[in-house]
Amino acid sequence: MIGFLESNSIYIVLAIVLIVWIGIFTFLFNTDKRLKNIEEEIKAK
């Protein structure tokens, strides 16, 4: 396992960066949905 991490460290970095970007986009998508719901509630009043 250690040998894999040492020889393929670029893939580990890419995987971590990909996971972080997926998390950011998921957070932004959920925030956008919540804001749209709040905007619709405000317009309905």
PDB file of N, CA and C in Angstrom:
ATOM      1  N   MET A   1       0.827  -1.201   0.000  1.00  0.00           N
ATOM      2  CA  MET A   1       0.000   0.000   0.000  1.00  0.00           C
ATOM      3  C   MET A   1       0.869   1.262   0.000  1.00  0.00           C
ATOM      4  N   ILE A   2       1.929   1.262   0.781  1.00  0.00           N
ATOM      5  CA  ILE A   2       2.810   2.430   0.839  1.00  0.00           C
ATOM      6  C   ILE A   2       3.480   2.652  -0.517  1.00  0.00           C
ATOM      7  N   GLY A   3       3.888   1.565  -1.161  1.00  0.00           N
ATOM      8  CA  GLY A   3       4.519   1.684  -2.470  1.00  0.00           C
ATOM      9  C   GLY A   3       3.586   2.300  -3.492  1.00  0.00           C
ATOM     10  N   PHE A   4       2.311   1.922  -3.453  1.00  0.00           N
ATOM     11  CA  PHE A   4       1.333   2.503  -4.377  1.00  0.00           C
ATOM     12  C   PHE A   4       1.204   4.002  -4.144  1.00  0.00           C
ATOM     13  N   LEU A   5       1.134   4.403  -2.881  1.00  0.00           N
ATOM     14  CA  LEU A   5       0.986   5.825  -2.574  1.00  0.00           C
ATOM     15  C   LEU A   5       2.214   6.623  -2.994  1.00  0.00           C
ATOM     16  N   GLU A   6       3.388   6.033  -2.831  1.00  0.00           N
ATOM     17  CA  GLU A   6       4.605   6.755  -3.197  1.00  0.00           C
ATOM     18  C   GLU A   6       4.764   6.882  -4.706  1.00  0.00           C
ATOM     19  N   SER A   7       4.426   5.824  -5.439  1.00  0.00           N
ATOM     20  CA  SER A   7       4.657   5.853  -6.884  1.00  0.00           C
ATOM     21  C   SER A   7       3.511   6.515  -7.650  1.00  0.00           C
ATOM     22  N   ASN A   8       2.341   6.615  -7.056  1.00  0.00           N
ATOM     23  CA  ASN A   8       1.181   7.184  -7.752  1.00  0.00           C
ATOM     24  C   ASN A   8       0.587   8.362  -6.982  1.00  0.00           C
ATOM     25  N   SER A   9       1.445   9.175  -6.399  1.00  0.00           N
ATOM     26  CA  SER A   9       0.941  10.268  -5.570  1.00  0.00           C
ATOM     27  C   SER A   9       0.123  11.272  -6.376  1.00  0.00           C
ATOM     28  N   ILE A  10       0.411  11.434  -7.666  1.00  0.00           N
ATOM     29  CA  ILE A  10      -0.356  12.383  -8.473  1.00  0.00           C
ATOM     30  C   ILE A  10      -1.807  11.940  -8.572  1.00  0.00           C
ATOM     31  N   TYR A  11      -2.052  10.635  -8.640  1.00  0.00           N
ATOM     32  CA  TYR A  11      -3.426  10.145  -8.711  1.00  0.00           C
ATOM     33  C   TYR A  11      -4.159  10.371  -7.396  1.00  0.00           C
ATOM     34  N   ILE A  12      -3.449  10.252  -6.287  1.00  0.00           N
ATOM     35  CA  ILE A  12      -4.059  10.514  -4.988  1.00  0.00           C
ATOM     36  C   ILE A  12      -4.453  11.986  -4.898  1.00  0.00           C
ATOM     37  N   VAL A  13      -3.568  12.869  -5.331  1.00  0.00           N
ATOM     38  CA  VAL A  13      -3.867  14.306  -5.311  1.00  0.00           C
ATOM     39  C   VAL A  13      -5.053  14.612  -6.211  1.00  0.00           C
ATOM     40  N   LEU A  14      -5.081  14.034  -7.407  1.00  0.00           N
ATOM     41  CA  LEU A  14      -6.196  14.268  -8.323  1.00  0.00           C
ATOM     42  C   LEU A  14      -7.513  13.770  -7.739  1.00  0.00           C
ATOM     43  N   ALA A  15      -7.486  12.614  -7.084  1.00  0.00           N
ATOM     44  CA  ALA A  15      -8.703  12.079  -6.472  1.00  0.00           C
ATOM     45  C   ALA A  15      -9.206  13.006  -5.370  1.00  0.00           C
ATOM     46  N   ILE A  16      -8.311  13.513  -4.545  1.00  0.00           N
ATOM     47  CA  ILE A  16      -8.715  14.408  -3.460  1.00  0.00           C
ATOM     48  C   ILE A  16      -9.275  15.710  -4.021  1.00  0.00           C
ATOM     49  N   VAL A  17      -8.621  16.262  -5.044  1.00  0.00           N
ATOM     50  CA  VAL A  17      -9.111  17.498  -5.663  1.00  0.00           C
ATOM     51  C   VAL A  17     -10.482  17.270  -6.281  1.00  0.00           C
ATOM     52  N   LEU A  18     -10.676  16.131  -6.934  1.00  0.00           N
ATOM     53  CA  LEU A  18     -11.970  15.813  -7.529  1.00  0.00           C
ATOM     54  C   LEU A  18     -13.052  15.722  -6.465  1.00  0.00           C
ATOM     55  N   ILE A  19     -12.761  15.076  -5.351  1.00  0.00           N
ATOM     56  CA  ILE A  19     -13.731  14.960  -4.263  1.00  0.00           C
ATOM     57  C   ILE A  19     -14.083  16.339  -3.712  1.00  0.00           C
ATOM     58  N   VAL A  20     -13.087  17.202  -3.563  1.00  0.00           N
ATOM     59  CA  VAL A  20     -13.343  18.559  -3.056  1.00  0.00           C
ATOM     60  C   VAL A  20     -14.238  19.334  -4.023  1.00  0.00           C
ATOM     61  N   TRP A  21     -13.955  19.262  -5.333  1.00  0.00           N
ATOM     62  CA  TRP A  21     -14.773  19.979  -6.311  1.00  0.00           C
ATOM     63  C   TRP A  21     -16.203  19.445  -6.336  1.00  0.00           C
ATOM     64  N   ILE A  22     -16.362  18.127  -6.232  1.00  0.00           N
ATOM     65  CA  ILE A  22     -17.713  17.558  -6.186  1.00  0.00           C
ATOM     66  C   ILE A  22     -18.456  18.086  -4.969  1.00  0.00           C
ATOM     67  N   GLY A  23     -17.774  18.170  -3.836  1.00  0.00           N
ATOM     68  CA  GLY A  23     -18.393  18.713  -2.626  1.00  0.00           C
ATOM     69  C   GLY A  23     -18.798  20.167  -2.790  1.00  0.00           C
ATOM     70  N   ILE A  24     -17.940  20.964  -3.420  1.00  0.00           N
ATOM     71  CA  ILE A  24     -18.258  22.381  -3.630  1.00  0.00           C
ATOM     72  C   ILE A  24     -19.472  22.530  -4.540  1.00  0.00           C
ATOM     73  N   PHE A  25     -19.503  21.792  -5.656  1.00  0.00           N
ATOM     74  CA  PHE A  25     -20.631  21.902  -6.570  1.00  0.00           C
ATOM     75  C   PHE A  25     -21.923  21.404  -5.932  1.00  0.00           C
ATOM     76  N   THR A  26     -21.850  20.350  -5.123  1.00  0.00           N
ATOM     77  CA  THR A  26     -23.035  19.856  -4.426  1.00  0.00           C
ATOM     78  C   THR A  26     -23.555  20.914  -3.459  1.00  0.00           C
ATOM     79  N   PHE A  27     -22.651  21.538  -2.713  1.00  0.00           N
ATOM     80  CA  PHE A  27     -23.042  22.587  -1.777  1.00  0.00           C
ATOM     81  C   PHE A  27     -23.697  23.752  -2.510  1.00  0.00           C
ATOM     82  N   LEU A  28     -23.095  24.196  -3.621  1.00  0.00           N
ATOM     83  CA  LEU A  28     -23.659  25.316  -4.373  1.00  0.00           C
ATOM     84  C   LEU A  28     -25.018  24.959  -4.969  1.00  0.00           C
ATOM     85  N   PHE A  29     -25.169  23.739  -5.467  1.00  0.00           N
ATOM     86  CA  PHE A  29     -26.444  23.314  -6.048  1.00  0.00           C
ATOM     87  C   PHE A  29     -27.538  23.304  -4.990  1.00  0.00           C
ATOM     88  N   ASN A  30     -27.230  22.750  -3.798  1.00  0.00           N
ATOM     89  CA  ASN A  30     -28.220  22.717  -2.724  1.00  0.00           C
ATOM     90  C   ASN A  30     -28.555  24.122  -2.241  1.00  0.00           C
ATOM     91  N   THR A  31     -27.568  24.993  -2.146  1.00  0.00           N
ATOM     92  CA  THR A  31     -27.816  26.371  -1.727  1.00  0.00           C
ATOM     93  C   THR A  31     -28.692  27.091  -2.745  1.00  0.00           C
ATOM     94  N   ASP A  32     -28.454  26.859  -4.029  1.00  0.00           N
ATOM     95  CA  ASP A  32     -29.264  27.478  -5.075  1.00  0.00           C
ATOM     96  C   ASP A  32     -30.713  27.017  -4.978  1.00  0.00           C
ATOM     97  N   LYS A  33     -30.932  25.729  -4.737  1.00  0.00           N
ATOM     98  CA  LYS A  33     -32.297  25.224  -4.594  1.00  0.00           C
ATOM     99  C   LYS A  33     -32.998  25.865  -3.408  1.00  0.00           C
ATOM    100  N   ARG A  34     -32.292  25.990  -2.275  1.00  0.00           N
ATOM    101  CA  ARG A  34     -32.893  26.610  -1.092  1.00  0.00           C
ATOM    102  C   ARG A  34     -33.231  28.070  -1.352  1.00  0.00           C
ATOM    103  N   LEU A  35     -32.329  28.787  -2.020  1.00  0.00           N
ATOM    104  CA  LEU A  35     -32.594  30.197  -2.315  1.00  0.00           C
ATOM    105  C   LEU A  35     -33.790  30.355  -3.247  1.00  0.00           C
ATOM    106  N   LYS A  36     -33.927  29.479  -4.229  1.00  0.00           N
ATOM    107  CA  LYS A  36     -35.085  29.552  -5.117  1.00  0.00           C
ATOM    108  C   LYS A  36     -36.374  29.329  -4.343  1.00  0.00           C
ATOM    109  N   ASN A  37     -36.365  28.373  -3.401  1.00  0.00           N
ATOM    110  CA  ASN A  37     -37.557  28.137  -2.591  1.00  0.00           C
ATOM    111  C   ASN A  37     -37.886  29.352  -1.737  1.00  0.00           C
ATOM    112  N   ILE A  38     -36.871  29.979  -1.160  1.00  0.00           N
ATOM    113  CA  ILE A  38     -37.098  31.168  -0.340  1.00  0.00           C
ATOM    114  C   ILE A  38     -37.627  32.310  -1.201  1.00  0.00           C
ATOM    115  N   GLU A  39     -37.074  32.483  -2.398  1.00  0.00           N
ATOM    116  CA  GLU A  39     -37.556  33.534  -3.297  1.00  0.00           C
ATOM    117  C   GLU A  39     -39.011  33.304  -3.676  1.00  0.00           C
ATOM    118  N   GLU A  40     -39.398  32.062  -3.933  1.00  0.00           N
ATOM    119  CA  GLU A  40     -40.790  31.768  -4.270  1.00  0.00           C
ATOM    120  C   GLU A  40     -41.706  32.062  -3.096  1.00  0.00           C
ATOM    121  N   GLU A  41     -41.269  31.754  -1.869  1.00  0.00           N
ATOM    122  CA  GLU A  41     -42.085  32.058  -0.694  1.00  0.00           C
ATOM    123  C   GLU A  41     -42.254  33.559  -0.522  1.00  0.00           C
ATOM    124  N   ILE A  42     -41.202  34.323  -0.780  1.00  0.00           N
ATOM    125  CA  ILE A  42     -41.284  35.780  -0.639  1.00  0.00           C
ATOM    126  C   ILE A  42     -42.210  36.367  -1.701  1.00  0.00           C
ATOM    127  N   LYS A  43     -42.124  35.868  -2.930  1.00  0.00           N
ATOM    128  CA  LYS A  43     -42.985  36.374  -3.999  1.00  0.00           C
ATOM    129  C   LYS A  43     -44.444  36.016  -3.746  1.00  0.00           C
ATOM    130  N   ALA A  44     -44.700  34.899  -3.081  1.00  0.00           N
ATOM    131  CA  ALA A  44     -46.071  34.464  -2.830  1.00  0.00           C
ATOM    132  C   ALA A  44     -46.759  35.349  -1.792  1.00  0.00           C
ATOM    133  N   LYS A  45     -45.983  36.036  -0.970  1.00  0.00           N
ATOM    134  CA  LYS A  45     -46.595  36.873   0.077  1.00  0.00           C
ATOM    135  C   LYS A  45     -47.078  38.189  -0.460  1.00  0.00           C
TER     136      LYS A  45
END
